[in-house]
Amino acid sequence: MIKRSQTAIEFLVLVSAVLFFFVVFFLTIGENIQDKTRENINKIVNEIAFLVQEEISFASESVDGYYRVFKIPESLNGLEYDIDVSDGRVYLKTYNNKYAVALPVQDVSGEIIKGENVLRKEGGVIYLNS
């Protein structure tokens, strides 16, 4: 009788240890996936802000008559966001306020929109969608 109860207790200890290690393993995997997702979204936020900054910089360095159409995505991997160009900066932030970036740009006349944007330079002034 003692042999059976000892075997049952050892079995329960072994099953508990294996279960514990599986739980720790899957929690670690889940955390790693979350980190990669955060890094990916942060990278996309920065890429879009840098794109706008570069487009405005190209326009400011170009001669009058510069005209270019560029696109801004509607969402960031399904995450909604706001983008604005004002006060010499491009501001981009997600609706959940977890990701945000502000980069310096030259002054422009007009507003940026998600989707297709028209950038032109006339009389030394950079116009964005206007």
Protein backbone atom coordinates (compact mmCIF):
# COMPACT_ATOMS: atom_id res chain seq x y z
CA MET A 1 0.00 0.00 0.00
CA ILE A 2 2.78 2.44 0.87
CA LYS A 3 4.48 1.69 -2.43
CA ARG A 4 1.33 2.67 -4.40
CA SER A 5 0.75 5.91 -2.54
CA GLN A 6 4.41 6.83 -2.90
CA THR A 7 4.22 6.14 -6.64
CA ALA A 8 1.05 8.25 -6.93
CA ILE A 9 2.67 11.16 -5.07
CA GLU A 10 5.81 10.95 -7.24
CA PHE A 11 3.61 10.90 -10.35
CA LEU A 12 1.73 14.01 -9.19
CA VAL A 13 5.00 15.81 -8.42
CA LEU A 14 6.38 14.90 -11.83
CA VAL A 15 3.20 16.00 -13.66
CA SER A 16 3.14 19.26 -11.67
CA ALA A 17 6.78 19.99 -12.54
CA VAL A 18 6.20 19.31 -16.25
CA LEU A 19 3.07 21.46 -16.24
CA PHE A 20 4.96 24.28 -14.49
CA PHE A 21 7.73 24.23 -17.11
CA PHE A 22 5.20 24.24 -19.97
CA VAL A 23 3.39 27.25 -18.47
CA VAL A 24 6.67 29.14 -18.03
CA PHE A 25 7.71 28.23 -21.58
CA PHE A 26 4.45 29.45 -23.14
CA LEU A 27 4.44 32.65 -21.08
CA THR A 28 7.98 33.39 -22.28
CA ILE A 29 6.97 32.75 -25.89
CA GLY A 30 3.92 35.02 -25.54
CA GLU A 31 6.01 37.81 -24.03
CA ASN A 32 8.54 37.51 -26.85
CA ILE A 33 5.76 37.78 -29.45
CA GLN A 34 4.39 40.90 -27.72
CA ASP A 35 7.85 42.50 -27.74
CA LYS A 36 8.28 41.79 -31.47
CA THR A 37 4.83 43.24 -32.20
CA ARG A 38 5.64 46.42 -30.23
CA GLU A 39 8.97 46.77 -32.03
CA ASN A 40 7.28 46.29 -35.41
CA ILE A 41 4.60 48.93 -34.76
CA ASN A 42 7.19 51.37 -33.38
CA LYS A 43 9.28 50.83 -36.52
CA ILE A 44 6.27 51.51 -38.77
CA VAL A 45 5.36 54.68 -36.81
CA ASN A 46 8.90 55.99 -37.22
CA GLU A 47 9.05 55.04 -40.92
CA ILE A 48 5.87 56.97 -41.73
CA ALA A 49 7.03 60.04 -39.81
CA PHE A 50 10.44 59.90 -41.52
CA LEU A 51 8.72 59.53 -44.91
CA VAL A 52 6.74 62.73 -44.36
CA GLN A 53 9.82 64.52 -43.05
CA GLU A 54 11.86 63.47 -46.11
CA GLU A 55 9.13 64.43 -48.58
CA ILE A 56 8.84 67.93 -47.07
CA SER A 57 12.64 68.24 -46.95
CA PHE A 58 12.90 67.31 -50.66
CA ALA A 59 10.27 69.90 -51.49
CA SER A 60 12.05 72.63 -49.51
CA GLU A 61 15.35 71.92 -51.26
CA SER A 62 13.76 71.81 -54.71
CA VAL A 63 13.08 74.68 -57.09
CA ASP A 64 9.65 76.20 -57.63
CA GLY A 65 7.41 73.91 -59.63
CA TYR A 66 8.22 70.84 -57.52
CA TYR A 67 5.24 68.45 -57.48
CA ARG A 68 4.99 65.04 -55.89
CA VAL A 69 2.24 62.64 -54.82
CA PHE A 70 2.93 60.27 -51.92
CA LYS A 71 0.75 57.93 -49.90
CA ILE A 72 0.26 57.53 -46.16
CA PRO A 73 -1.35 54.25 -44.99
CA GLU A 74 -4.86 54.29 -43.52
CA SER A 75 -3.78 52.23 -40.49
CA LEU A 76 -0.66 50.71 -38.94
CA ASN A 77 -1.18 46.95 -39.05
CA GLY A 78 -4.82 47.50 -38.13
CA LEU A 79 -4.00 50.16 -35.51
CA GLU A 80 -5.63 53.57 -36.02
CA TYR A 81 -3.50 56.70 -35.74
CA ASP A 82 -3.46 60.48 -36.16
CA ILE A 83 -0.91 62.40 -38.20
CA ASP A 84 -0.50 66.17 -38.31
CA VAL A 85 2.01 68.65 -39.68
CA SER A 86 2.02 71.92 -37.75
CA ASP A 87 4.36 74.32 -35.96
CA GLY A 88 7.37 73.01 -37.86
CA ARG A 89 6.83 69.39 -36.77
CA VAL A 90 5.22 66.22 -38.04
CA TYR A 91 3.27 64.55 -35.22
CA LEU A 92 2.16 60.94 -35.40
CA LYS A 93 0.44 59.06 -32.56
CA THR A 94 -1.74 56.01 -32.29
CA TYR A 95 -5.26 56.24 -30.89
CA ASN A 96 -4.29 54.08 -27.92
CA ASN A 97 -1.47 56.58 -27.11
CA LYS A 98 1.13 53.80 -26.87
CA TYR A 99 3.19 54.99 -29.83
CA ALA A 100 4.06 58.55 -30.79
CA VAL A 101 6.75 60.49 -32.61
CA ALA A 102 7.41 64.14 -33.42
CA LEU A 103 10.01 65.17 -36.00
CA PRO A 104 11.08 68.64 -37.15
CA VAL A 105 10.07 69.74 -40.67
CA GLN A 106 10.02 72.94 -42.68
CA ASP A 107 6.88 75.04 -42.50
CA VAL A 108 4.17 73.97 -44.93
CA SER A 109 0.81 75.35 -45.92
CA GLY A 110 -1.98 72.79 -45.71
CA GLU A 111 -2.72 69.57 -43.89
CA ILE A 112 -1.61 65.99 -44.31
CA ILE A 113 -4.21 63.25 -44.73
CA LYS A 114 -4.18 59.47 -44.68
CA GLY A 115 -4.09 58.19 -48.21
CA GLU A 116 -2.83 60.19 -51.17
CA ASN A 117 -1.09 63.53 -50.47
CA VAL A 118 -0.01 66.17 -52.98
CA LEU A 119 3.09 68.19 -52.17
CA ARG A 120 4.12 71.15 -54.34
CA LYS A 121 6.32 74.21 -54.14
CA GLU A 122 5.38 77.56 -55.63
CA GLY A 123 6.87 80.95 -54.88
CA GLY A 124 9.15 79.42 -52.26
CA VAL A 125 6.14 78.13 -50.28
CA ILE A 126 5.51 74.41 -49.76
CA TYR A 127 1.86 73.44 -50.18
CA LEU A 128 0.48 70.20 -48.82
CA ASN A 129 -2.91 69.19 -50.24
CA SER A 130 -3.85 72.81 -50.98
